[in-house]
Every structure is written in C-alpha cells, then in structure tokens.
C-alpha cells in the first residue's frame, strides 16, 4: 500500500446496492463518520452526514440504500441522494448534497485517498 492511502475494506465486502462499510476519517482535525458503497459496479464514499441536519444516514449500521436499491436515503429525514454523486434528489437539502471522499478499488481492495480530504 502506497503512502497517502488507507485500506477501507475488501472489495468483496461491497455488493452492488447492498450494505455499505462504515469507517472514520479525519477532517479538520477531528474524526468524522464515513461510509463506502458499491453502485453500478463502482465504489463511492461519503461523510456519513445528512445534508439537511448533521445526523448519520443509516439507522442500522451500513444500511444506506432505500428499498429500491437505487438511492441513498437518510433514515431520519427521508432525503434521497444519488449514489454516484451524492447529489440531493429529494428532501429538505436545499441544494446541498453528501460530501464525497476520494476512494478507488485496486487488486480486490478499496482504499481511501488521504490527500485533499479536508476540502
């Protein structure tokens, strides 16, 4: 593993539209909850924080998708987000979306890119 990246999980832990993997990331000098999911074959990661009110999206650990498996949903407010961009698709987000984190998949594992995550 190269410097500037951190192993999050094995890629096999993420099924398309399935349970996500929670982890923490340091942003602005403090630990913040985050998650990674797989959607349409690609991995995406976001801070685990609703754009409407700063609460974690999942009421059950790792359950980020709605029943259709097409959208990420805030279990508290019902706001819907696009899994591939974090863009708010419905709810009281007022144009705000999820804050994405840079991740990539290599040789069967999912990694967080540590550089530039304070943006």
C-alpha atoms as a PDB file:
ATOM      1  CA  UNK A   1       0.000   0.000   0.000  1.00  0.00           C
ATOM      2  CA  UNK A   2       1.383   3.380  -1.007  1.00  0.00           C
ATOM      3  CA  UNK A   3       1.653   6.369   1.293  1.00  0.00           C
ATOM      4  CA  UNK A   4      -1.307   8.673   1.065  1.00  0.00           C
ATOM      5  CA  UNK A   5      -3.905   5.942   1.023  1.00  0.00           C
ATOM      6  CA  UNK A   6      -5.671   3.804   3.612  1.00  0.00           C
ATOM      7  CA  UNK A   7      -7.289   0.401   3.227  1.00  0.00           C
ATOM      8  CA  UNK A   8     -11.018   0.587   3.985  1.00  0.00           C
ATOM      9  CA  UNK A   9     -12.194  -2.936   3.173  1.00  0.00           C
ATOM     10  CA  UNK A  10     -12.041  -5.814   0.745  1.00  0.00           C
ATOM     11  CA  UNK A  11     -13.967  -5.067  -2.420  1.00  0.00           C
ATOM     12  CA  UNK A  12     -15.904  -8.302  -1.901  1.00  0.00           C
ATOM     13  CA  UNK A  13     -17.464  -6.746   1.236  1.00  0.00           C
ATOM     14  CA  UNK A  14     -19.467  -4.405  -1.019  1.00  0.00           C
ATOM     15  CA  UNK A  15     -22.312  -5.809  -3.081  1.00  0.00           C
ATOM     16  CA  UNK A  16     -23.954  -3.608  -5.699  1.00  0.00           C
ATOM     17  CA  UNK A  17     -26.752  -1.688  -3.936  1.00  0.00           C
ATOM     18  CA  UNK A  18     -26.056  -3.611  -0.740  1.00  0.00           C
ATOM     19  CA  UNK A  19     -24.816  -2.901   2.738  1.00  0.00           C
ATOM     20  CA  UNK A  20     -22.071  -0.299   2.946  1.00  0.00           C
ATOM     21  CA  UNK A  21     -18.979  -0.285   5.114  1.00  0.00           C
ATOM     22  CA  UNK A  22     -18.635   2.366   7.783  1.00  0.00           C
ATOM     23  CA  UNK A  23     -15.275   3.888   8.713  1.00  0.00           C
ATOM     24  CA  UNK A  24     -13.923   7.116  10.168  1.00  0.00           C
ATOM     25  CA  UNK A  25     -11.866   9.794   8.516  1.00  0.00           C
ATOM     26  CA  UNK A  26     -10.040  12.767   9.963  1.00  0.00           C
ATOM     27  CA  UNK A  27     -11.287  16.080   8.612  1.00  0.00           C
ATOM     28  CA  UNK A  28     -10.387  19.474  10.000  1.00  0.00           C
ATOM     29  CA  UNK A  29      -8.567  17.839  12.898  1.00  0.00           C
ATOM     30  CA  UNK A  30     -11.365  15.567  14.152  1.00  0.00           C
ATOM     31  CA  UNK A  31     -12.681  12.090  13.437  1.00  0.00           C
ATOM     32  CA  UNK A  32     -15.847  12.011  11.317  1.00  0.00           C
ATOM     33  CA  UNK A  33     -18.068   9.050  10.398  1.00  0.00           C
ATOM     34  CA  UNK A  34     -17.968   7.993   6.751  1.00  0.00           C
ATOM     35  CA  UNK A  35     -19.078   5.120   4.547  1.00  0.00           C
ATOM     36  CA  UNK A  36     -18.324   3.393   1.269  1.00  0.00           C
ATOM     37  CA  UNK A  37     -20.858   1.690  -1.011  1.00  0.00           C
ATOM     38  CA  UNK A  38     -20.879  -0.016  -4.401  1.00  0.00           C
ATOM     39  CA  UNK A  39     -23.292   1.212  -7.058  1.00  0.00           C
ATOM     40  CA  UNK A  40     -23.391   0.015 -10.669  1.00  0.00           C
ATOM     41  CA  UNK A  41     -20.044  -1.704 -10.182  1.00  0.00           C
ATOM     42  CA  UNK A  42     -18.117   1.291  -8.819  1.00  0.00           C
ATOM     43  CA  UNK A  43     -17.221   2.299  -5.276  1.00  0.00           C
ATOM     44  CA  UNK A  44     -18.221   5.657  -3.780  1.00  0.00           C
ATOM     45  CA  UNK A  45     -17.544   7.112  -0.332  1.00  0.00           C
ATOM     46  CA  UNK A  46     -19.156   9.951   1.584  1.00  0.00           C
ATOM     47  CA  UNK A  47     -19.176  11.502   5.006  1.00  0.00           C
ATOM     48  CA  UNK A  48     -21.975   9.800   6.922  1.00  0.00           C
ATOM     49  CA  UNK A  49     -23.887  13.016   7.425  1.00  0.00           C
ATOM     50  CA  UNK A  50     -27.243  14.128   6.004  1.00  0.00           C
ATOM     51  CA  UNK A  51     -27.060  17.432   4.120  1.00  0.00           C
ATOM     52  CA  UNK A  52     -30.203  18.689   5.879  1.00  0.00           C
ATOM     53  CA  UNK A  53     -29.237  18.115   9.520  1.00  0.00           C
ATOM     54  CA  UNK A  54     -25.877  16.651  10.591  1.00  0.00           C
ATOM     55  CA  UNK A  55     -27.134  13.169  11.558  1.00  0.00           C
ATOM     56  CA  UNK A  56     -25.840   9.845  10.271  1.00  0.00           C
ATOM     57  CA  UNK A  57     -27.802   8.469   7.329  1.00  0.00           C
ATOM     58  CA  UNK A  58     -28.078   4.839   8.427  1.00  0.00           C
ATOM     59  CA  UNK A  59     -30.325   3.821  11.306  1.00  0.00           C
ATOM     60  CA  UNK A  60     -28.959   0.268  11.026  1.00  0.00           C
ATOM     61  CA  UNK A  61     -25.183   0.106  10.518  1.00  0.00           C
ATOM     62  CA  UNK A  62     -24.351   0.015   6.822  1.00  0.00           C
ATOM     63  CA  UNK A  63     -27.935   0.302   5.519  1.00  0.00           C
ATOM     64  CA  UNK A  64     -27.640   3.325   3.250  1.00  0.00           C
ATOM     65  CA  UNK A  65     -29.801   2.330   0.271  1.00  0.00           C
ATOM     66  CA  UNK A  66     -33.564   2.717   0.088  1.00  0.00           C
ATOM     67  CA  UNK A  67     -35.761  -0.322  -0.590  1.00  0.00           C
ATOM     68  CA  UNK A  68     -35.323   0.051  -4.382  1.00  0.00           C
ATOM     69  CA  UNK A  69     -31.501  -0.051  -4.049  1.00  0.00           C
ATOM     70  CA  UNK A  70     -31.335   2.915  -6.429  1.00  0.00           C
ATOM     71  CA  UNK A  71     -30.910   5.780  -3.939  1.00  0.00           C
ATOM     72  CA  UNK A  72     -29.122   6.545  -0.700  1.00  0.00           C
ATOM     73  CA  UNK A  73     -31.605   7.602   1.962  1.00  0.00           C
ATOM     74  CA  UNK A  74     -31.427   9.410   5.280  1.00  0.00           C
ATOM     75  CA  UNK A  75     -33.236   7.145   7.743  1.00  0.00           C
ATOM     76  CA  UNK A  76     -34.192  10.168   9.883  1.00  0.00           C
ATOM     77  CA  UNK A  77     -35.469  12.651   7.261  1.00  0.00           C
ATOM     78  CA  UNK A  78     -36.097  10.503   4.186  1.00  0.00           C
ATOM     79  CA  UNK A  79     -33.888  12.693   1.975  1.00  0.00           C
ATOM     80  CA  UNK A  80     -32.769  10.828  -1.154  1.00  0.00           C
ATOM     81  CA  UNK A  81     -29.292  11.085  -2.665  1.00  0.00           C
ATOM     82  CA  UNK A  82     -27.744   9.854  -5.920  1.00  0.00           C
ATOM     83  CA  UNK A  83     -25.304   7.044  -5.032  1.00  0.00           C
ATOM     84  CA  UNK A  84     -22.840   8.034  -7.758  1.00  0.00           C
ATOM     85  CA  UNK A  85     -22.629  11.758  -6.976  1.00  0.00           C
ATOM     86  CA  UNK A  86     -24.157  12.401  -3.539  1.00  0.00           C
ATOM     87  CA  UNK A  87     -26.496  14.959  -5.150  1.00  0.00           C
ATOM     88  CA  UNK A  88     -29.746  15.506  -3.254  1.00  0.00           C
ATOM     89  CA  UNK A  89     -32.685  14.196  -5.281  1.00  0.00           C
ATOM     90  CA  UNK A  90     -35.471  14.895  -2.814  1.00  0.00           C
ATOM     91  CA  UNK A  91     -35.949  16.190   0.697  1.00  0.00           C
ATOM     92  CA  UNK A  92     -35.074  19.361   2.543  1.00  0.00           C
ATOM     93  CA  UNK A  93     -31.445  19.518   1.407  1.00  0.00           C
ATOM     94  CA  UNK A  94     -31.800  22.966  -0.172  1.00  0.00           C
ATOM     95  CA  UNK A  95     -29.385  22.108  -2.959  1.00  0.00           C
ATOM     96  CA  UNK A  96     -26.772  20.551  -0.697  1.00  0.00           C
ATOM     97  CA  UNK A  97     -25.557  17.007  -1.224  1.00  0.00           C
ATOM     98  CA  UNK A  98     -23.403  14.487   0.546  1.00  0.00           C
ATOM     99  CA  UNK A  99     -19.710  15.300   0.945  1.00  0.00           C
ATOM    100  CA  UNK A 100     -17.764  12.830  -1.173  1.00  0.00           C
ATOM    101  CA  UNK A 101     -14.452  11.252  -0.261  1.00  0.00           C
ATOM    102  CA  UNK A 102     -11.874  10.038  -2.799  1.00  0.00           C
ATOM    103  CA  UNK A 103     -11.746   6.233  -2.987  1.00  0.00           C
ATOM    104  CA  UNK A 104     -10.551   3.669  -5.503  1.00  0.00           C
ATOM    105  CA  UNK A 105     -10.504  -0.089  -5.893  1.00  0.00           C
ATOM    106  CA  UNK A 106      -7.288  -1.941  -6.658  1.00  0.00           C
ATOM    107  CA  UNK A 107      -6.409  -5.643  -6.623  1.00  0.00           C
ATOM    108  CA  UNK A 108      -9.626  -6.506  -4.822  1.00  0.00           C
ATOM    109  CA  UNK A 109      -9.410  -3.901  -2.052  1.00  0.00           C
ATOM    110  CA  UNK A 110     -10.991  -0.479  -1.523  1.00  0.00           C
ATOM    111  CA  UNK A 111      -8.759   2.420  -0.483  1.00  0.00           C
ATOM    112  CA  UNK A 112      -9.314   5.946   0.769  1.00  0.00           C
ATOM    113  CA  UNK A 113      -7.040   8.606  -0.736  1.00  0.00           C
ATOM    114  CA  UNK A 114      -5.761  10.592   2.250  1.00  0.00           C
ATOM    115  CA  UNK A 115      -4.568  13.687   0.396  1.00  0.00           C
ATOM    116  CA  UNK A 116      -7.033  16.538  -0.094  1.00  0.00           C
ATOM    117  CA  UNK A 117      -9.836  15.150   2.087  1.00  0.00           C
ATOM    118  CA  UNK A 118     -10.148  18.358   4.099  1.00  0.00           C
ATOM    119  CA  UNK A 119     -11.870  20.093   1.190  1.00  0.00           C
END
